[in-house]
N, C-alpha and C. Protein backbone atom coordinates (compact mmCIF):
# COMPACT_ATOMS: atom_id res chain seq x y z
N UNK A 1 55.23 -63.57 85.91
CA UNK A 1 55.77 -63.94 84.46
C UNK A 1 54.85 -64.71 83.70
N UNK A 2 53.15 -64.75 84.18
CA UNK A 2 52.20 -65.18 83.38
C UNK A 2 51.34 -64.35 82.80
N UNK A 3 51.50 -63.34 83.46
CA UNK A 3 50.98 -61.85 82.52
C UNK A 3 51.93 -61.47 81.06
N UNK A 4 53.45 -61.67 80.96
CA UNK A 4 53.62 -61.32 79.84
C UNK A 4 53.43 -62.71 78.86
N UNK A 5 53.53 -63.81 79.25
CA UNK A 5 53.16 -64.87 78.15
C UNK A 5 52.16 -64.57 77.77
N UNK A 6 50.82 -64.18 78.66
CA UNK A 6 49.61 -63.55 77.80
C UNK A 6 49.83 -62.48 76.59
N UNK A 7 50.34 -61.85 76.87
CA UNK A 7 50.33 -60.31 76.02
C UNK A 7 51.32 -60.62 74.48
N UNK A 8 52.38 -61.95 74.49
CA UNK A 8 52.83 -62.31 73.53
C UNK A 8 52.58 -63.31 72.38
N UNK A 9 51.24 -63.99 73.10
CA UNK A 9 50.62 -64.90 72.11
C UNK A 9 50.07 -64.07 71.16
N UNK A 10 50.33 -65.04 69.58
CA UNK A 10 49.90 -64.04 68.72
C UNK A 10 48.43 -65.22 68.31
N UNK A 11 47.44 -64.24 67.39
CA UNK A 11 46.72 -65.09 66.99
C UNK A 11 45.22 -63.99 66.68
N UNK A 12 44.08 -64.65 66.13
CA UNK A 12 43.01 -64.12 66.17
C UNK A 12 41.97 -64.34 67.37
N UNK A 13 41.17 -63.25 67.21
CA UNK A 13 40.16 -63.36 68.43
C UNK A 13 38.87 -63.86 67.70
N UNK A 14 38.05 -63.83 68.47
CA UNK A 14 36.72 -64.58 67.93
C UNK A 14 35.65 -63.55 67.14
N UNK A 15 36.05 -62.31 67.60
CA UNK A 15 35.14 -61.40 67.31
C UNK A 15 36.05 -61.03 65.68
N UNK A 16 36.95 -60.88 66.11
CA UNK A 16 37.93 -60.39 64.60
C UNK A 16 37.53 -61.78 63.39
N UNK A 17 37.08 -63.02 64.09
CA UNK A 17 37.20 -64.11 62.97
C UNK A 17 35.63 -63.56 62.22
N UNK A 18 34.33 -63.89 63.43
CA UNK A 18 33.51 -63.38 63.03
C UNK A 18 33.39 -62.54 62.26
N UNK A 19 33.71 -61.72 62.62
CA UNK A 19 33.81 -59.95 61.65
C UNK A 19 34.04 -60.55 60.16
N UNK A 20 35.50 -60.88 59.75
CA UNK A 20 35.50 -61.41 58.67
C UNK A 20 34.82 -62.25 57.93
N UNK A 21 34.28 -63.00 58.42
CA UNK A 21 33.15 -64.01 57.93
C UNK A 21 31.90 -63.13 57.57
N UNK A 22 31.60 -62.09 58.08
CA UNK A 22 30.46 -61.45 57.82
C UNK A 22 30.77 -60.87 56.45
N UNK A 23 31.84 -60.31 56.84
CA UNK A 23 32.36 -59.16 55.46
C UNK A 23 32.53 -60.05 54.58
N UNK A 24 32.95 -61.21 54.44
CA UNK A 24 33.10 -61.96 53.10
C UNK A 24 31.70 -62.28 52.89
N UNK A 25 30.94 -62.59 53.67
CA UNK A 25 29.41 -63.25 53.28
C UNK A 25 28.69 -62.21 52.75
N UNK A 26 29.06 -60.90 53.10
CA UNK A 26 28.42 -60.02 52.39
C UNK A 26 28.62 -59.54 51.33
N UNK A 27 30.09 -59.50 50.88
CA UNK A 27 30.55 -59.51 49.61
C UNK A 27 30.25 -60.65 48.40
N UNK A 28 30.45 -61.80 49.36
CA UNK A 28 29.92 -63.03 48.24
C UNK A 28 28.21 -62.67 47.99
N UNK A 29 27.38 -62.69 48.91
CA UNK A 29 25.68 -62.23 48.27
C UNK A 29 25.79 -61.01 47.51
N UNK A 30 26.59 -59.47 47.97
CA UNK A 30 26.58 -58.93 46.67
C UNK A 30 27.03 -59.14 45.11
N UNK A 31 28.48 -59.93 45.11
CA UNK A 31 28.67 -60.37 44.16
C UNK A 31 27.74 -61.72 43.12
N UNK A 32 27.35 -62.33 43.91
CA UNK A 32 26.23 -63.22 43.45
C UNK A 32 25.08 -62.64 43.09
N UNK A 33 24.22 -61.76 43.52
CA UNK A 33 23.03 -60.69 42.91
C UNK A 33 23.72 -59.81 41.96
N UNK A 34 24.64 -59.61 41.67
CA UNK A 34 25.11 -58.73 40.18
C UNK A 34 25.68 -59.75 39.23
N UNK A 35 25.86 -60.78 39.62
CA UNK A 35 26.11 -61.56 38.40
C UNK A 35 24.73 -62.33 37.87
N UNK A 36 23.88 -62.68 38.99
CA UNK A 36 22.74 -63.27 38.36
C UNK A 36 22.03 -62.28 37.96
N UNK A 37 22.17 -61.23 37.94
CA UNK A 37 21.34 -59.58 37.22
C UNK A 37 21.65 -59.89 35.83
N UNK A 38 23.03 -59.78 35.75
CA UNK A 38 24.06 -59.88 34.52
C UNK A 38 23.64 -60.63 33.55
N UNK A 39 23.44 -62.09 34.30
CA UNK A 39 23.34 -63.43 33.15
C UNK A 39 21.84 -63.04 32.84
N UNK A 40 20.57 -62.57 33.90
CA UNK A 40 19.15 -62.72 33.32
C UNK A 40 19.40 -61.69 32.38
N UNK A 41 20.04 -60.67 32.19
CA UNK A 41 19.98 -59.33 31.35
C UNK A 41 20.57 -59.87 29.86
N UNK A 42 21.60 -60.85 30.04
CA UNK A 42 22.16 -61.10 28.83
C UNK A 42 21.07 -62.52 28.10
N UNK A 43 20.56 -63.46 29.13
CA UNK A 43 19.93 -63.88 28.46
C UNK A 43 18.43 -63.64 27.92
N UNK A 44 18.01 -62.35 28.35
CA UNK A 44 16.83 -61.46 27.59
C UNK A 44 17.19 -60.94 26.69
N UNK A 45 18.46 -60.50 26.34
CA UNK A 45 18.89 -59.73 25.18
C UNK A 45 19.22 -60.59 24.09
N UNK A 46 19.60 -62.12 23.96
CA UNK A 46 20.03 -63.29 23.41
C UNK A 46 18.75 -63.13 22.96
N UNK A 47 17.55 -63.59 23.84
CA UNK A 47 16.27 -64.16 23.51
C UNK A 47 15.69 -63.56 22.62
N UNK A 48 15.78 -61.62 22.52
CA UNK A 48 14.77 -60.69 22.57
C UNK A 48 15.65 -60.57 20.75
N UNK A 49 16.99 -60.49 20.67
CA UNK A 49 17.81 -60.81 19.15
C UNK A 49 16.85 -61.90 18.44
N UNK A 50 17.19 -62.72 19.08
CA UNK A 50 16.45 -64.59 18.25
C UNK A 50 15.21 -64.06 17.47
N UNK A 51 14.58 -63.69 18.88
CA UNK A 51 12.67 -63.62 18.25
C UNK A 51 13.04 -62.61 16.92
N UNK A 52 13.86 -61.72 17.10
CA UNK A 52 13.59 -60.74 15.82
C UNK A 52 14.02 -61.54 14.74
N UNK A 53 15.23 -61.81 14.90
CA UNK A 53 15.75 -62.58 14.05
C UNK A 53 14.75 -63.99 13.11
N UNK A 54 13.97 -64.11 14.06
CA UNK A 54 13.02 -65.35 13.46
C UNK A 54 11.51 -64.61 12.83
N UNK A 55 11.23 -63.03 13.64
CA UNK A 55 10.29 -62.31 12.80
C UNK A 55 10.68 -61.75 11.19
N UNK A 56 11.98 -61.05 11.34
CA UNK A 56 12.66 -60.84 10.29
C UNK A 56 12.57 -61.97 9.00
N UNK A 57 13.15 -62.94 9.42
CA UNK A 57 13.08 -64.04 8.38
C UNK A 57 11.59 -64.58 7.70
N UNK A 58 10.47 -64.43 9.03
CA UNK A 58 9.42 -64.84 8.11
C UNK A 58 8.67 -64.00 7.47
N UNK A 59 8.83 -62.44 8.01
CA UNK A 59 8.78 -61.41 6.76
C UNK A 59 8.83 -61.30 5.88
N UNK A 60 10.42 -61.29 5.51
CA UNK A 60 11.16 -61.82 3.95
C UNK A 60 10.59 -62.76 3.59
N UNK A 61 10.49 -64.19 3.84
CA UNK A 61 10.07 -64.95 3.57
C UNK A 61 8.45 -64.90 2.39
N UNK A 62 7.99 -64.34 3.90
CA UNK A 62 6.60 -64.28 3.13
C UNK A 62 6.34 -63.02 2.08
N UNK A 63 7.35 -62.23 2.01
CA UNK A 63 7.11 -60.91 1.52
C UNK A 63 7.45 -61.16 -0.30
N UNK A 64 8.77 -62.24 -0.31
CA UNK A 64 8.86 -62.55 -1.31
C UNK A 64 7.79 -63.56 -2.24
N UNK A 65 7.25 -64.26 -1.43
CA UNK A 65 5.86 -64.93 -2.09
C UNK A 65 4.58 -64.53 -2.47
N UNK A 66 4.48 -63.36 -1.39
CA UNK A 66 3.09 -62.42 -1.27
C UNK A 66 3.69 -61.51 -2.93
N UNK A 67 4.40 -61.26 -3.17
CA UNK A 67 4.88 -60.25 -4.14
C UNK A 67 4.53 -61.07 -5.60
N UNK A 68 4.79 -62.36 -4.94
CA UNK A 68 4.94 -63.54 -6.53
C UNK A 68 3.34 -63.56 -6.79
N UNK A 69 2.22 -63.64 -5.66
CA UNK A 69 0.96 -64.07 -5.64
C UNK A 69 -0.33 -63.23 -6.15
N UNK A 70 -0.99 -63.67 -7.10
CA UNK A 70 -2.60 -63.42 -7.42
C UNK A 70 -3.36 -63.39 -6.85
N UNK A 71 -3.26 -64.51 -5.98
CA UNK A 71 -4.58 -64.83 -5.18
C UNK A 71 -3.98 -65.43 -3.72
N UNK A 72 -4.70 -64.48 -3.03
CA UNK A 72 -4.28 -64.65 -1.43
C UNK A 72 -5.53 -65.58 -0.93
N UNK A 73 -5.58 -66.57 -0.13
CA UNK A 73 -6.71 -67.22 0.40
C UNK A 73 -6.52 -67.39 1.60
N UNK A 74 -7.16 -67.02 2.82
CA UNK A 74 -7.21 -67.68 4.34
C UNK A 74 -8.14 -68.04 4.57
N UNK A 75 -7.60 -69.01 5.65
CA UNK A 75 -8.48 -70.00 6.49
C UNK A 75 -8.22 -70.33 8.07
N UNK A 76 -9.35 -70.64 8.61
CA UNK A 76 -9.01 -70.89 9.94
C UNK A 76 -9.19 -69.60 10.97
N UNK A 77 -9.51 -68.47 10.28
CA UNK A 77 -10.02 -67.46 11.37
C UNK A 77 -10.73 -67.76 12.65
N UNK A 78 -10.02 -67.65 13.69
CA UNK A 78 -10.47 -68.21 15.16
C UNK A 78 -10.49 -69.76 15.36
N UNK A 79 -9.81 -70.02 14.68
CA UNK A 79 -9.70 -71.67 14.84
C UNK A 79 -8.46 -72.00 15.62
N UNK A 80 -8.35 -73.17 15.73
CA UNK A 80 -6.52 -73.37 16.31
C UNK A 80 -5.58 -72.85 15.34
N UNK A 81 -5.78 -73.31 14.06
CA UNK A 81 -4.85 -72.99 13.32
C UNK A 81 -5.25 -71.82 11.91
N UNK A 82 -4.33 -71.15 11.76
CA UNK A 82 -4.92 -70.09 10.59
C UNK A 82 -3.83 -70.38 9.40
N UNK A 83 -3.99 -70.57 8.31
CA UNK A 83 -3.20 -70.52 7.24
C UNK A 83 -3.38 -69.70 5.96
N UNK A 84 -2.64 -69.15 5.35
CA UNK A 84 -2.58 -68.20 4.29
C UNK A 84 -1.64 -68.88 2.83
N UNK A 85 -3.10 -68.92 2.27
CA UNK A 85 -2.07 -69.81 0.61
C UNK A 85 -2.17 -68.84 -0.20
N UNK A 86 -1.20 -69.00 -0.97
CA UNK A 86 -0.65 -67.91 -2.23
C UNK A 86 -0.72 -68.71 -3.51
N UNK A 87 -1.33 -68.35 -4.26
CA UNK A 87 -1.36 -68.82 -5.68
C UNK A 87 -0.97 -67.49 -6.66
N UNK A 88 -0.22 -68.11 -7.94
CA UNK A 88 -0.10 -67.23 -9.12
C UNK A 88 -1.34 -67.04 -9.85
N UNK A 89 -1.15 -66.48 -10.87
CA UNK A 89 -1.99 -66.07 -11.66
C UNK A 89 -2.63 -66.90 -12.65
N UNK A 90 -2.02 -68.22 -12.44
CA UNK A 90 -2.65 -69.40 -13.31
C UNK A 90 -2.73 -70.39 -12.38
N UNK A 91 -3.28 -69.94 -10.78
CA UNK A 91 -3.79 -70.66 -10.21
C UNK A 91 -3.21 -71.58 -9.35
N UNK A 92 -1.65 -71.75 -9.61
CA UNK A 92 -1.06 -72.68 -9.23
C UNK A 92 -0.19 -71.99 -7.76
N UNK A 93 0.05 -73.34 -7.03
CA UNK A 93 0.02 -73.08 -5.66
C UNK A 93 1.49 -72.58 -5.72
N UNK A 94 1.77 -71.63 -4.59
CA UNK A 94 3.14 -70.93 -4.66
C UNK A 94 3.67 -71.18 -3.11
N UNK A 95 3.14 -71.53 -2.07
CA UNK A 95 3.16 -71.48 -0.69
C UNK A 95 1.91 -71.05 0.21
N UNK A 96 2.17 -72.27 1.32
CA UNK A 96 1.17 -71.93 2.02
C UNK A 96 1.81 -71.30 3.75
N UNK A 97 1.10 -70.76 4.15
CA UNK A 97 1.56 -70.60 5.32
C UNK A 97 1.00 -70.67 6.14
N UNK A 98 1.27 -71.26 7.86
CA UNK A 98 0.20 -71.90 8.70
C UNK A 98 1.07 -71.21 10.14
N UNK A 99 -0.31 -70.77 10.96
CA UNK A 99 0.25 -70.59 12.14
C UNK A 99 -0.64 -71.61 13.09
N UNK A 100 -0.57 -71.98 14.02
CA UNK A 100 -1.01 -72.77 14.90
C UNK A 100 -1.00 -72.56 16.22
N UNK A 101 -2.06 -72.48 17.44
CA UNK A 101 -2.47 -72.32 18.70
C UNK A 101 -0.83 -73.07 19.57
N UNK A 102 -0.08 -73.99 18.94
CA UNK A 102 0.88 -74.80 19.62
C UNK A 102 2.01 -73.83 19.21
N UNK A 103 1.86 -72.69 19.02
CA UNK A 103 3.25 -71.86 19.05
C UNK A 103 3.78 -71.69 17.57
N UNK A 104 3.81 -72.52 16.63
CA UNK A 104 4.11 -72.84 15.47
C UNK A 104 4.15 -71.96 14.51
N UNK A 105 4.95 -71.58 13.64
CA UNK A 105 4.68 -70.87 12.56
C UNK A 105 5.61 -71.40 11.42
N UNK A 106 5.03 -71.57 10.50
CA UNK A 106 5.24 -72.79 9.41
C UNK A 106 5.37 -72.31 7.92
N UNK A 107 5.59 -73.27 6.87
CA UNK A 107 5.82 -72.53 5.48
C UNK A 107 5.82 -74.19 4.74
N UNK A 108 5.14 -74.06 3.93
CA UNK A 108 4.93 -75.37 2.62
C UNK A 108 5.13 -74.49 1.17
N UNK A 109 6.15 -74.51 0.91
CA UNK A 109 6.67 -74.07 -0.43
C UNK A 109 5.74 -74.73 -1.43
N UNK A 110 5.91 -74.62 -2.87
CA UNK A 110 4.91 -75.33 -3.64
C UNK A 110 5.85 -76.59 -4.34
N UNK A 111 5.44 -77.72 -4.24
CA UNK A 111 5.99 -78.82 -4.29
C UNK A 111 6.67 -79.39 -3.40
N UNK A 112 6.71 -78.75 -1.80
CA UNK A 112 7.18 -79.51 -1.00
C UNK A 112 6.09 -80.43 -0.33
N UNK A 113 6.75 -81.52 -0.24
CA UNK A 113 5.18 -82.12 0.77
C UNK A 113 5.24 -81.86 2.55
N UNK A 114 6.38 -81.55 3.08
CA UNK A 114 6.47 -81.46 4.23
C UNK A 114 6.23 -79.56 4.88
N UNK A 115 5.31 -79.37 5.76
CA UNK A 115 5.71 -78.22 6.10
C UNK A 115 7.31 -77.74 6.56
N UNK A 116 8.00 -76.43 6.85
CA UNK A 116 8.96 -76.20 7.28
C UNK A 116 8.91 -75.35 8.29
N UNK A 117 9.19 -75.52 9.78
CA UNK A 117 8.99 -74.55 11.08
C UNK A 117 9.74 -73.72 10.82
N UNK A 118 9.31 -72.63 10.73
CA UNK A 118 10.11 -70.97 11.02
C UNK A 118 10.38 -70.38 12.12
N UNK A 119 9.18 -70.89 13.26
CA UNK A 119 9.93 -70.63 14.66
C UNK A 119 8.76 -71.52 15.03
N UNK A 120 8.52 -71.37 16.75
CA UNK A 120 8.10 -72.27 17.76
C UNK A 120 7.58 -71.37 18.58
N UNK A 121 7.59 -70.03 18.60
CA UNK A 121 7.42 -69.15 19.78
C UNK A 121 6.41 -67.96 19.38
N UNK A 122 5.46 -68.60 18.46
CA UNK A 122 4.43 -67.52 18.24
C UNK A 122 3.52 -67.77 19.31
N UNK A 123 2.95 -66.11 19.45
CA UNK A 123 1.99 -66.18 20.79
C UNK A 123 0.58 -66.09 19.80
N UNK A 124 -0.28 -67.15 19.52
CA UNK A 124 -1.06 -67.31 18.75
C UNK A 124 -2.14 -66.57 18.98
N UNK A 125 -2.55 -65.88 19.94
CA UNK A 125 -3.83 -65.19 20.54
C UNK A 125 -3.61 -63.68 19.89
N UNK A 126 -2.21 -63.61 20.01
CA UNK A 126 -2.15 -61.94 19.82
C UNK A 126 -1.19 -61.52 18.24
N UNK A 127 -1.35 -63.08 17.44
CA UNK A 127 -0.91 -62.89 15.88
C UNK A 127 -2.03 -63.33 14.86
N UNK A 128 -1.95 -62.78 13.77
CA UNK A 128 -3.19 -63.03 12.62
C UNK A 128 -2.53 -62.89 11.45
N UNK A 129 -3.85 -63.42 10.25
CA UNK A 129 -3.45 -62.93 9.22
C UNK A 129 -4.70 -62.27 8.57
N UNK A 130 -4.66 -61.01 7.80
CA UNK A 130 -5.41 -60.44 7.54
C UNK A 130 -5.35 -60.15 5.90
N UNK A 131 -6.77 -60.00 5.25
CA UNK A 131 -6.51 -59.63 3.88
C UNK A 131 -6.96 -57.92 3.86
N UNK A 132 -5.83 -57.14 2.97
CA UNK A 132 -5.97 -55.74 2.96
C UNK A 132 -6.36 -55.28 1.48
N UNK A 133 -7.59 -55.34 0.66
CA UNK A 133 -7.50 -55.26 -0.63
C UNK A 133 -7.08 -56.45 -1.03
N UNK A 134 -6.04 -56.32 -2.04
CA UNK A 134 -5.49 -57.69 -2.67
C UNK A 134 -4.14 -58.14 -1.63
N UNK A 135 -3.72 -57.27 -0.66
CA UNK A 135 -2.73 -57.45 0.31
C UNK A 135 -3.10 -58.71 0.99
N UNK A 136 -1.95 -58.69 1.99
CA UNK A 136 -2.01 -59.63 3.37
C UNK A 136 -1.40 -59.02 4.25
N UNK A 137 -2.07 -58.73 5.29
CA UNK A 137 -1.34 -58.10 6.55
C UNK A 137 -1.11 -59.03 7.54
N UNK A 138 0.09 -58.94 8.25
CA UNK A 138 0.44 -59.99 9.12
C UNK A 138 0.57 -59.32 10.62
N UNK A 139 0.02 -59.56 11.30
CA UNK A 139 0.48 -59.49 13.15
C UNK A 139 1.20 -60.52 14.12
N UNK A 140 2.40 -60.37 14.18
CA UNK A 140 3.19 -61.69 14.35
C UNK A 140 3.52 -60.93 15.93
N UNK A 141 3.33 -61.99 17.14
CA UNK A 141 3.83 -61.80 18.09
C UNK A 141 4.64 -62.83 18.63
N UNK A 142 5.86 -62.69 19.11
CA UNK A 142 6.46 -64.11 19.21
C UNK A 142 6.71 -63.58 20.79
N UNK A 143 7.16 -64.85 21.52
CA UNK A 143 7.53 -65.07 23.01
C UNK A 143 8.21 -65.74 23.48
N UNK A 144 9.12 -65.74 24.23
CA UNK A 144 10.19 -66.62 24.65
C UNK A 144 10.32 -66.43 26.28
N UNK A 145 10.63 -67.39 27.24
CA UNK A 145 10.63 -67.27 28.70
C UNK A 145 12.39 -67.86 29.03
N UNK A 146 13.18 -67.06 28.93
CA UNK A 146 14.52 -66.94 29.26
C UNK A 146 14.32 -67.00 30.74
N UNK A 147 14.99 -67.91 31.43
CA UNK A 147 14.89 -67.83 33.03
C UNK A 147 13.65 -67.40 33.40
N UNK A 148 12.97 -67.95 32.77
CA UNK A 148 11.19 -67.51 33.78
C UNK A 148 11.12 -66.26 34.08
N UNK A 149 11.55 -65.12 32.87
CA UNK A 149 10.93 -64.13 32.46
C UNK A 149 10.50 -63.81 30.72
N UNK A 150 9.28 -62.93 30.74
CA UNK A 150 8.43 -63.04 29.59
C UNK A 150 9.36 -62.18 28.48
N UNK A 151 10.10 -62.37 27.43
CA UNK A 151 10.29 -61.59 26.80
C UNK A 151 9.52 -61.74 25.29
N UNK A 152 8.98 -60.62 24.98
CA UNK A 152 7.97 -60.57 23.77
C UNK A 152 8.31 -59.40 23.01
N UNK A 153 7.76 -60.13 21.58
CA UNK A 153 7.99 -58.81 20.49
C UNK A 153 6.95 -58.52 19.48
N UNK A 154 6.44 -57.42 18.74
CA UNK A 154 5.34 -57.54 17.94
C UNK A 154 5.95 -57.14 16.06
N UNK A 155 5.63 -57.68 15.74
CA UNK A 155 5.84 -57.17 14.48
C UNK A 155 4.84 -57.62 13.44
N UNK A 156 4.22 -55.96 12.82
CA UNK A 156 3.37 -56.27 12.18
C UNK A 156 3.99 -55.79 10.80
N UNK A 157 3.18 -55.97 9.45
CA UNK A 157 3.86 -55.52 8.16
C UNK A 157 2.41 -55.84 7.15
N UNK A 158 2.03 -55.23 5.95
CA UNK A 158 1.25 -54.97 4.99
C UNK A 158 2.19 -55.37 3.90
N UNK A 159 2.14 -56.51 3.01
CA UNK A 159 2.51 -57.14 1.74
C UNK A 159 1.46 -56.60 0.80
N UNK A 160 2.00 -56.24 -0.07
CA UNK A 160 1.09 -56.19 -1.57
C UNK A 160 1.55 -56.92 -2.80
N UNK A 161 1.10 -57.74 -3.77
CA UNK A 161 1.54 -58.57 -4.74
C UNK A 161 1.72 -57.19 -5.70
N UNK A 162 3.03 -57.24 -6.74
CA UNK A 162 3.44 -56.84 -7.67
C UNK A 162 2.31 -56.51 -8.58
N UNK A 163 1.27 -57.28 -8.93
CA UNK A 163 0.88 -57.42 -10.56
C UNK A 163 -0.67 -56.63 -9.68
């Protein structure tokens, strides 16, 4: 009678439980790796898009001012802060643009007391203003580190006054 009782018991063996836990663990690890990769990729793409938006805004704003300028003066090449000062034909200040080794690119429009920060992600070592004839060349490198991964963009442009 005892042998028939042992056969009628229902339940899981230790081997079945360990196998199930191993399969669930492997599936969870795979899901986690895929999820982390997707989140990291998404953050990189968002950061890159934000950097391009900042670069485009800087180039657009600088282009408007340089086209109105008759005189462009650069200061601070090789120092912790570079500036580009733009003046009209009468010598009136149009705007001053400034890059610092703290990673900030800012503008001070004519008549404004304070500088306005356009971005705080400048790679100062790889960014610069340069005069090209009567025009201004801007080499701008922006970077960010979302989730400890470096994302970098580079925008270069030459802008010439209209006159």
